[in-house]
Amino acid sequence: MSDKRTTHFGYREVDEDAKAGLVANVFHSVAGRYDLMNDLMSGGIHRIWKRFTIELSAVRTGQSVLDIAGGTGDLAAKFADIVGPTGRVVLADINESMLNVGRDKLLDHGYQGNLEFVQADAQYLPFPDDSFDCVSIAFGLRNVTDKALALRSMLRVLKPGGRLLVLEFSKPVNPLLEKAYDGYSFRVLPFMGRLVAGDSDSYQYLAESIRMHPDQDTLLGMLEDAGFVNCEYHNLTGGVVALHRGFKA
C-alpha cells in the first residue's frame, strides 16, 4: 500500500509531490499570452477586480508589500506606484516563465528601485518573520498544493496588524449564473485557449481547478484556522470571484 499523499490537479488525483511540476508546465505554456488571455477571458473585468483589491489593501506610502503568484505584475505595479520610493514591493512567483514575463514587462515600463523579483514557493516563503505590511495573492492560491501551509507562511511574514488579500475565483451565488458560468468555462475557455495561446489543455485545467477550489465560506474558515483575525470576504461579479481579507493580530 502506498503511503504517498495525493491532491487534485484539476479533476485528476495526483501525488502531492507531482502537482507543482504539473502546474508549472501549465504556466510555462501560457506565460507569453497570459495578459492577452486574461483580457479576453474576463472581458477586461479582471482589472476592476484587481482595482478593488488595491483599494481594500489600504496600502500607503513607505509600506512593504509582497505580491505572491504575482505573474505579469498587474498588482505589483499598482502597489509600487502607491508605496513610492521609500516603500518596497516584492513580486514573487514560483514559475520562472511567469516571473520573467512580469519582470521584463515592468522594467520596460520603468519600474525599478522599489520593486524586487523573487522566485518563491508560497508554502515556504523565503522572508523573515514580520517583514510585510500587506501580502496579496491573486488567482494563485488554487494552484498551491498545501493551501493551509501557504496561508500560515503568509501569516508568518506579515507584520502585526498587517493584512492578507486573497483574490480568487469562487462559487457564483445565483444558480442561473452558475450554470451559464459552467458552460462558458468548459466550452468557451478551452476553445479560446487553443485559438489564442495554442493550448486548450491548460485552460481546461483552469476551469477544473476553479471548481476544486474551496468556496467562499470554506476559504474564510481556512484563513481563521491559519491564525488570521477579523476575516471577511466580498463577492465580485456575483461570486464568480471573491476577495478575502484577514489580519495578523
C-alpha atoms as a PDB file:
ATOM      1  CA  MET A   1       0.000   0.000   0.000  1.00  0.00           C
ATOM      2  CA  SER A   2       1.413   3.401  -0.997  1.00  0.00           C
ATOM      3  CA  ASP A   3       1.952   5.968   1.767  1.00  0.00           C
ATOM      4  CA  LYS A   4       2.116   8.846  -0.713  1.00  0.00           C
ATOM      5  CA  ARG A   5      -0.343  11.684  -0.137  1.00  0.00           C
ATOM      6  CA  THR A   6      -2.482  12.779  -3.047  1.00  0.00           C
ATOM      7  CA  THR A   7      -4.094  16.043  -4.112  1.00  0.00           C
ATOM      8  CA  HIS A   8      -6.100  17.353  -7.042  1.00  0.00           C
ATOM      9  CA  PHE A   9      -4.731  18.682 -10.305  1.00  0.00           C
ATOM     10  CA  GLY A  10      -7.974  19.878 -11.814  1.00  0.00           C
ATOM     11  CA  TYR A  11     -10.260  16.830 -11.625  1.00  0.00           C
ATOM     12  CA  ARG A  12      -7.340  14.377 -11.610  1.00  0.00           C
ATOM     13  CA  GLU A  13      -5.961  12.917  -8.404  1.00  0.00           C
ATOM     14  CA  VAL A  14      -2.158  13.081  -8.387  1.00  0.00           C
ATOM     15  CA  ASP A  15       0.687  12.580  -5.917  1.00  0.00           C
ATOM     16  CA  GLU A  16       1.242  15.724  -3.855  1.00  0.00           C
ATOM     17  CA  ASP A  17       4.854  15.949  -4.958  1.00  0.00           C
ATOM     18  CA  ALA A  18       3.810  15.892  -8.632  1.00  0.00           C
ATOM     19  CA  LYS A  19       1.340  18.787  -8.562  1.00  0.00           C
ATOM     20  CA  ALA A  20       3.856  21.631  -8.513  1.00  0.00           C
ATOM     21  CA  GLY A  21       5.500  20.335 -11.682  1.00  0.00           C
ATOM     22  CA  LEU A  22       2.178  19.893 -13.460  1.00  0.00           C
ATOM     23  CA  VAL A  23       1.098  23.430 -12.545  1.00  0.00           C
ATOM     24  CA  ALA A  24       4.497  24.734 -13.628  1.00  0.00           C
ATOM     25  CA  ASN A  25       4.029  23.206 -17.071  1.00  0.00           C
ATOM     26  CA  VAL A  26       0.665  24.961 -17.411  1.00  0.00           C
ATOM     27  CA  PHE A  27       2.168  28.379 -16.744  1.00  0.00           C
ATOM     28  CA  HIS A  28       5.327  27.774 -18.786  1.00  0.00           C
ATOM     29  CA  SER A  29       2.933  27.115 -21.653  1.00  0.00           C
ATOM     30  CA  VAL A  30       0.696  30.175 -21.260  1.00  0.00           C
ATOM     31  CA  ALA A  31       3.120  32.817 -19.902  1.00  0.00           C
ATOM     32  CA  GLY A  32       3.661  34.607 -23.207  1.00  0.00           C
ATOM     33  CA  ARG A  33      -0.068  35.100 -23.833  1.00  0.00           C
ATOM     34  CA  TYR A  34      -1.179  35.379 -20.209  1.00  0.00           C
ATOM     35  CA  ASP A  35      -2.158  39.073 -20.224  1.00  0.00           C
ATOM     36  CA  LEU A  36      -3.993  38.809 -23.544  1.00  0.00           C
ATOM     37  CA  MET A  37      -5.926  35.749 -22.405  1.00  0.00           C
ATOM     38  CA  ASN A  38      -6.874  37.435 -19.111  1.00  0.00           C
ATOM     39  CA  ASP A  39      -8.411  40.341 -21.013  1.00  0.00           C
ATOM     40  CA  LEU A  40     -10.226  38.055 -23.439  1.00  0.00           C
ATOM     41  CA  MET A  41     -11.490  35.591 -20.827  1.00  0.00           C
ATOM     42  CA  SER A  42     -12.852  38.218 -18.450  1.00  0.00           C
ATOM     43  CA  GLY A  43     -13.791  40.898 -20.950  1.00  0.00           C
ATOM     44  CA  GLY A  44     -11.347  43.141 -19.084  1.00  0.00           C
ATOM     45  CA  ILE A  45     -13.266  42.804 -15.809  1.00  0.00           C
ATOM     46  CA  HIS A  46     -10.184  41.347 -14.084  1.00  0.00           C
ATOM     47  CA  ARG A  47      -8.843  44.908 -13.972  1.00  0.00           C
ATOM     48  CA  ILE A  48     -11.839  46.006 -11.876  1.00  0.00           C
ATOM     49  CA  TRP A  49     -11.366  43.045  -9.514  1.00  0.00           C
ATOM     50  CA  LYS A  50      -7.711  43.986  -9.066  1.00  0.00           C
ATOM     51  CA  ARG A  51      -8.530  47.672  -8.550  1.00  0.00           C
ATOM     52  CA  PHE A  52     -10.927  46.702  -5.745  1.00  0.00           C
ATOM     53  CA  THR A  53      -8.157  44.583  -4.219  1.00  0.00           C
ATOM     54  CA  ILE A  54      -5.793  47.554  -4.258  1.00  0.00           C
ATOM     55  CA  GLU A  55      -8.411  49.761  -2.597  1.00  0.00           C
ATOM     56  CA  LEU A  56      -9.153  47.238   0.136  1.00  0.00           C
ATOM     57  CA  SER A  57      -5.447  46.722   0.806  1.00  0.00           C
ATOM     58  CA  ALA A  58      -5.174  50.217   2.352  1.00  0.00           C
ATOM     59  CA  VAL A  59      -1.507  50.269   1.352  1.00  0.00           C
ATOM     60  CA  ARG A  60       0.183  53.616   1.973  1.00  0.00           C
ATOM     61  CA  THR A  61       3.395  55.437   1.083  1.00  0.00           C
ATOM     62  CA  GLY A  62       6.513  53.820   2.515  1.00  0.00           C
ATOM     63  CA  GLN A  63       4.962  50.433   3.269  1.00  0.00           C
ATOM     64  CA  SER A  64       6.208  46.993   2.219  1.00  0.00           C
ATOM     65  CA  VAL A  65       4.087  44.658   0.082  1.00  0.00           C
ATOM     66  CA  LEU A  66       4.525  41.049  -1.022  1.00  0.00           C
ATOM     67  CA  ASP A  67       2.543  40.004  -4.107  1.00  0.00           C
ATOM     68  CA  ILE A  68       2.610  36.188  -4.290  1.00  0.00           C
ATOM     69  CA  ALA A  69       1.940  34.404  -7.587  1.00  0.00           C
ATOM     70  CA  GLY A  70       2.337  37.915  -8.965  1.00  0.00           C
ATOM     71  CA  GLY A  71       2.717  36.696 -12.526  1.00  0.00           C
ATOM     72  CA  THR A  72       2.897  39.509 -15.044  1.00  0.00           C
ATOM     73  CA  GLY A  73       2.837  42.201 -12.375  1.00  0.00           C
ATOM     74  CA  ASP A  74      -0.564  43.922 -12.568  1.00  0.00           C
ATOM     75  CA  LEU A  75      -0.914  44.258  -8.790  1.00  0.00           C
ATOM     76  CA  ALA A  76       2.796  44.766  -8.120  1.00  0.00           C
ATOM     77  CA  ALA A  77       2.918  47.768 -10.467  1.00  0.00           C
ATOM     78  CA  LYS A  78      -0.021  49.433  -8.709  1.00  0.00           C
ATOM     79  CA  PHE A  79       1.478  48.748  -5.288  1.00  0.00           C
ATOM     80  CA  ALA A  80       4.827  50.173  -6.420  1.00  0.00           C
ATOM     81  CA  ASP A  81       3.095  53.386  -7.513  1.00  0.00           C
ATOM     82  CA  ILE A  82       1.418  53.712  -4.105  1.00  0.00           C
ATOM     83  CA  VAL A  83       4.323  52.909  -1.772  1.00  0.00           C
ATOM     84  CA  GLY A  84       6.679  55.215  -3.683  1.00  0.00           C
ATOM     85  CA  PRO A  85      10.478  55.337  -3.480  1.00  0.00           C
ATOM     86  CA  THR A  86      10.511  54.857   0.292  1.00  0.00           C
ATOM     87  CA  GLY A  87       8.431  51.677   0.073  1.00  0.00           C
ATOM     88  CA  ARG A  88       9.157  48.141  -1.040  1.00  0.00           C
ATOM     89  CA  VAL A  89       7.225  45.756  -3.304  1.00  0.00           C
ATOM     90  CA  VAL A  90       8.271  42.140  -3.892  1.00  0.00           C
ATOM     91  CA  LEU A  91       6.753  40.365  -6.879  1.00  0.00           C
ATOM     92  CA  ALA A  92       7.079  36.652  -6.119  1.00  0.00           C
ATOM     93  CA  ASP A  93       6.145  33.720  -8.331  1.00  0.00           C
ATOM     94  CA  ILE A  94       7.088  30.057  -8.225  1.00  0.00           C
ATOM     95  CA  ASN A  95       7.089  29.890 -12.019  1.00  0.00           C
ATOM     96  CA  GLU A  96      10.228  31.124 -13.752  1.00  0.00           C
ATOM     97  CA  SER A  97       8.488  31.811 -17.067  1.00  0.00           C
ATOM     98  CA  MET A  98       5.792  33.948 -15.465  1.00  0.00           C
ATOM     99  CA  LEU A  99       8.344  35.784 -13.320  1.00  0.00           C
ATOM    100  CA  ASN A 100      10.467  36.569 -16.378  1.00  0.00           C
ATOM    101  CA  VAL A 101       7.468  37.909 -18.305  1.00  0.00           C
ATOM    102  CA  GLY A 102       6.440  40.063 -15.336  1.00  0.00           C
ATOM    103  CA  ARG A 103       9.960  41.385 -14.735  1.00  0.00           C
ATOM    104  CA  ASP A 104      10.527  42.257 -18.409  1.00  0.00           C
ATOM    105  CA  LYS A 105       7.137  43.962 -18.625  1.00  0.00           C
ATOM    106  CA  LEU A 106       7.614  46.109 -15.508  1.00  0.00           C
ATOM    107  CA  LEU A 107      11.216  47.022 -16.262  1.00  0.00           C
ATOM    108  CA  ASP A 108      10.132  48.037 -19.776  1.00  0.00           C
ATOM    109  CA  HIS A 109       7.559  50.320 -18.116  1.00  0.00           C
ATOM    110  CA  GLY A 110      10.252  51.968 -15.995  1.00  0.00           C
ATOM    111  CA  TYR A 111       9.634  50.208 -12.686  1.00  0.00           C
ATOM    112  CA  GLN A 112      12.773  49.767 -10.617  1.00  0.00           C
ATOM    113  CA  GLY A 113      14.237  50.778  -7.297  1.00  0.00           C
ATOM    114  CA  ASN A 114      11.316  49.905  -5.037  1.00  0.00           C
ATOM    115  CA  LEU A 115      10.391  46.697  -6.878  1.00  0.00           C
ATOM    116  CA  GLU A 116      12.068  43.303  -6.396  1.00  0.00           C
ATOM    117  CA  PHE A 117      11.520  39.988  -8.186  1.00  0.00           C
ATOM    118  CA  VAL A 118      11.841  36.709  -6.288  1.00  0.00           C
ATOM    119  CA  GLN A 119      11.164  33.134  -7.387  1.00  0.00           C
ATOM    120  CA  ALA A 120       9.414  31.666  -4.363  1.00  0.00           C
ATOM    121  CA  ASP A 121       7.026  28.934  -3.254  1.00  0.00           C
ATOM    122  CA  ALA A 122       4.023  30.311  -1.347  1.00  0.00           C
ATOM    123  CA  GLN A 123       4.254  27.370   1.067  1.00  0.00           C
ATOM    124  CA  TYR A 124       7.838  28.220   2.090  1.00  0.00           C
ATOM    125  CA  LEU A 125       8.273  31.964   1.708  1.00  0.00           C
ATOM    126  CA  PRO A 126      11.976  32.940   1.908  1.00  0.00           C
ATOM    127  CA  PHE A 127      11.464  36.056   4.009  1.00  0.00           C
ATOM    128  CA  PRO A 128      11.982  36.816   7.721  1.00  0.00           C
ATOM    129  CA  ASP A 129       9.073  36.926  10.162  1.00  0.00           C
ATOM    130  CA  ASP A 130       7.157  40.233  10.331  1.00  0.00           C
ATOM    131  CA  SER A 131       8.510  41.580   7.010  1.00  0.00           C
ATOM    132  CA  PHE A 132       5.477  42.996   5.185  1.00  0.00           C
ATOM    133  CA  ASP A 133       2.573  45.350   5.837  1.00  0.00           C
ATOM    134  CA  CYS A 134       0.477  43.626   3.179  1.00  0.00           C
ATOM    135  CA  VAL A 135       0.520  40.290   1.369  1.00  0.00           C
ATOM    136  CA  SER A 136      -1.598  39.682  -1.727  1.00  0.00           C
ATOM    137  CA  ILE A 137      -2.210  36.622  -3.861  1.00  0.00           C
ATOM    138  CA  ALA A 138      -4.438  36.950  -6.923  1.00  0.00           C
ATOM    139  CA  PHE A 139      -5.625  33.873  -8.812  1.00  0.00           C
ATOM    140  CA  GLY A 140      -2.797  31.797  -7.393  1.00  0.00           C
ATOM    141  CA  LEU A 141      -3.981  30.094  -4.211  1.00  0.00           C
ATOM    142  CA  ARG A 142      -5.972  27.429  -6.051  1.00  0.00           C
ATOM    143  CA  ASN A 143      -2.741  26.222  -7.700  1.00  0.00           C
ATOM    144  CA  VAL A 144      -0.920  25.748  -4.372  1.00  0.00           C
ATOM    145  CA  THR A 145      -0.555  22.137  -3.240  1.00  0.00           C
ATOM    146  CA  ASP A 146      -0.986  22.735   0.506  1.00  0.00           C
ATOM    147  CA  LYS A 147      -3.126  25.839   0.897  1.00  0.00           C
ATOM    148  CA  ALA A 148      -3.184  25.698   4.711  1.00  0.00           C
ATOM    149  CA  LEU A 149       0.606  25.585   4.827  1.00  0.00           C
ATOM    150  CA  ALA A 150       0.804  28.543   2.424  1.00  0.00           C
ATOM    151  CA  LEU A 151      -1.632  30.605   4.500  1.00  0.00           C
ATOM    152  CA  ARG A 152       0.446  30.002   7.636  1.00  0.00           C
ATOM    153  CA  SER A 153       3.557  31.035   5.703  1.00  0.00           C
ATOM    154  CA  MET A 154       1.839  34.255   4.637  1.00  0.00           C
ATOM    155  CA  LEU A 155       0.797  34.967   8.230  1.00  0.00           C
ATOM    156  CA  ARG A 156       4.386  34.472   9.423  1.00  0.00           C
ATOM    157  CA  VAL A 157       5.888  37.079   7.051  1.00  0.00           C
ATOM    158  CA  LEU A 158       3.223  39.694   7.836  1.00  0.00           C
ATOM    159  CA  LYS A 159       3.900  42.361  10.439  1.00  0.00           C
ATOM    160  CA  PRO A 160       1.456  42.513  13.371  1.00  0.00           C
ATOM    161  CA  GLY A 161      -1.565  44.448  12.106  1.00  0.00           C
ATOM    162  CA  GLY A 162      -0.680  43.543   8.519  1.00  0.00           C
ATOM    163  CA  ARG A 163      -3.289  42.173   6.154  1.00  0.00           C
ATOM    164  CA  LEU A 164      -3.628  39.388   3.622  1.00  0.00           C
ATOM    165  CA  LEU A 165      -5.746  39.739   0.498  1.00  0.00           C
ATOM    166  CA  VAL A 166      -6.734  36.642  -1.486  1.00  0.00           C
ATOM    167  CA  LEU A 167      -8.389  37.345  -4.837  1.00  0.00           C
ATOM    168  CA  GLU A 168      -9.611  34.109  -6.354  1.00  0.00           C
ATOM    169  CA  PHE A 169     -12.304  32.509  -8.464  1.00  0.00           C
ATOM    170  CA  SER A 170     -15.127  31.261  -6.269  1.00  0.00           C
ATOM    171  CA  LYS A 171     -18.701  29.994  -6.339  1.00  0.00           C
ATOM    172  CA  PRO A 172     -21.430  32.074  -8.058  1.00  0.00           C
ATOM    173  CA  VAL A 173     -24.281  32.848  -5.678  1.00  0.00           C
ATOM    174  CA  ASN A 174     -27.022  32.614  -8.318  1.00  0.00           C
ATOM    175  CA  PRO A 175     -27.828  29.138  -9.759  1.00  0.00           C
ATOM    176  CA  LEU A 176     -28.570  30.580 -13.208  1.00  0.00           C
ATOM    177  CA  LEU A 177     -25.283  32.466 -13.235  1.00  0.00           C
ATOM    178  CA  GLU A 178     -23.500  29.309 -12.087  1.00  0.00           C
ATOM    179  CA  LYS A 179     -24.993  27.305 -14.961  1.00  0.00           C
ATOM    180  CA  ALA A 180     -24.024  29.939 -17.541  1.00  0.00           C
ATOM    181  CA  TYR A 181     -20.558  30.216 -15.995  1.00  0.00           C
ATOM    182  CA  ASP A 182     -20.055  26.440 -16.202  1.00  0.00           C
ATOM    183  CA  GLY A 183     -20.989  26.465 -19.867  1.00  0.00           C
ATOM    184  CA  TYR A 184     -18.584  29.299 -20.557  1.00  0.00           C
ATOM    185  CA  SER A 185     -15.767  27.720 -18.544  1.00  0.00           C
ATOM    186  CA  PHE A 186     -15.861  24.263 -20.064  1.00  0.00           C
ATOM    187  CA  ARG A 187     -16.784  25.145 -23.650  1.00  0.00           C
ATOM    188  CA  VAL A 188     -15.520  28.632 -24.445  1.00  0.00           C
ATOM    189  CA  LEU A 189     -12.313  28.816 -22.370  1.00  0.00           C
ATOM    190  CA  PRO A 190     -10.563  25.715 -23.806  1.00  0.00           C
ATOM    191  CA  PHE A 191     -11.564  26.767 -27.336  1.00  0.00           C
ATOM    192  CA  MET A 192     -10.228  30.279 -26.723  1.00  0.00           C
ATOM    193  CA  GLY A 193      -7.049  28.829 -25.240  1.00  0.00           C
ATOM    194  CA  ARG A 194      -6.468  26.708 -28.322  1.00  0.00           C
ATOM    195  CA  LEU A 195      -7.195  29.611 -30.657  1.00  0.00           C
ATOM    196  CA  VAL A 196      -5.136  32.319 -28.925  1.00  0.00           C
ATOM    197  CA  ALA A 197      -2.499  30.514 -26.863  1.00  0.00           C
ATOM    198  CA  GLY A 198      -2.295  27.272 -28.838  1.00  0.00           C
ATOM    199  CA  ASP A 199      -3.121  25.351 -25.656  1.00  0.00           C
ATOM    200  CA  SER A 200      -6.605  24.107 -24.784  1.00  0.00           C
ATOM    201  CA  ASP A 201      -5.469  21.679 -22.050  1.00  0.00           C
ATOM    202  CA  SER A 202      -4.157  24.449 -19.772  1.00  0.00           C
ATOM    203  CA  TYR A 203      -7.480  26.269 -19.922  1.00  0.00           C
ATOM    204  CA  GLN A 204      -9.365  23.032 -19.313  1.00  0.00           C
ATOM    205  CA  TYR A 205      -7.228  22.733 -16.168  1.00  0.00           C
ATOM    206  CA  LEU A 206      -8.104  26.344 -15.291  1.00  0.00           C
ATOM    207  CA  ALA A 207     -11.828  25.569 -15.394  1.00  0.00           C
ATOM    208  CA  GLU A 208     -11.378  22.383 -13.366  1.00  0.00           C
ATOM    209  CA  SER A 209      -9.094  23.986 -10.768  1.00  0.00           C
ATOM    210  CA  ILE A 210     -11.690  26.696 -10.130  1.00  0.00           C
ATOM    211  CA  ARG A 211     -14.332  24.047  -9.378  1.00  0.00           C
ATOM    212  CA  MET A 212     -11.996  22.238  -6.965  1.00  0.00           C
ATOM    213  CA  HIS A 213     -11.102  25.421  -5.049  1.00  0.00           C
ATOM    214  CA  PRO A 214     -12.801  25.961  -1.660  1.00  0.00           C
ATOM    215  CA  ASP A 215     -15.948  28.106  -1.754  1.00  0.00           C
ATOM    216  CA  GLN A 216     -16.200  31.470  -0.015  1.00  0.00           C
ATOM    217  CA  ASP A 217     -17.111  30.275   3.471  1.00  0.00           C
ATOM    218  CA  THR A 218     -14.693  27.342   3.413  1.00  0.00           C
ATOM    219  CA  LEU A 219     -11.808  29.615   2.463  1.00  0.00           C
ATOM    220  CA  LEU A 220     -12.857  32.083   5.168  1.00  0.00           C
ATOM    221  CA  GLY A 221     -12.590  29.260   7.695  1.00  0.00           C
ATOM    222  CA  MET A 222      -9.161  28.333   6.350  1.00  0.00           C
ATOM    223  CA  LEU A 223      -7.914  31.892   6.933  1.00  0.00           C
ATOM    224  CA  GLU A 224      -9.225  31.768  10.504  1.00  0.00           C
ATOM    225  CA  ASP A 225      -7.690  28.319  11.083  1.00  0.00           C
ATOM    226  CA  ALA A 226      -4.321  29.662   9.867  1.00  0.00           C
ATOM    227  CA  GLY A 227      -4.480  32.355  12.572  1.00  0.00           C
ATOM    228  CA  PHE A 228      -5.849  35.388  10.768  1.00  0.00           C
ATOM    229  CA  VAL A 229      -8.345  37.620  12.601  1.00  0.00           C
ATOM    230  CA  ASN A 230     -11.190  39.923  11.508  1.00  0.00           C
ATOM    231  CA  CYS A 231     -11.599  37.839   8.347  1.00  0.00           C
ATOM    232  CA  GLU A 232     -14.173  38.754   5.719  1.00  0.00           C
ATOM    233  CA  TYR A 233     -14.902  38.316   2.040  1.00  0.00           C
ATOM    234  CA  HIS A 234     -16.538  40.291  -0.723  1.00  0.00           C
ATOM    235  CA  ASN A 235     -18.274  38.631  -3.675  1.00  0.00           C
ATOM    236  CA  LEU A 236     -17.435  40.207  -7.027  1.00  0.00           C
ATOM    237  CA  THR A 237     -19.384  39.649 -10.254  1.00  0.00           C
ATOM    238  CA  GLY A 238     -21.983  37.573  -8.435  1.00  0.00           C
ATOM    239  CA  GLY A 239     -19.445  35.381  -6.672  1.00  0.00           C
ATOM    240  CA  VAL A 240     -17.574  34.351  -9.817  1.00  0.00           C
ATOM    241  CA  VAL A 241     -14.664  35.900  -7.934  1.00  0.00           C
ATOM    242  CA  ALA A 242     -14.299  36.609  -4.214  1.00  0.00           C
ATOM    243  CA  LEU A 243     -11.834  38.802  -2.345  1.00  0.00           C
ATOM    244  CA  HIS A 244     -10.942  37.514   1.132  1.00  0.00           C
ATOM    245  CA  ARG A 245      -9.154  39.661   3.676  1.00  0.00           C
ATOM    246  CA  GLY A 246      -7.661  38.789   7.052  1.00  0.00           C
ATOM    247  CA  PHE A 247      -5.328  40.487   9.532  1.00  0.00           C
ATOM    248  CA  LYS A 248      -2.401  39.401  11.678  1.00  0.00           C
ATOM    249  CA  ALA A 249      -3.077  40.101  15.336  1.00  0.00           C
END
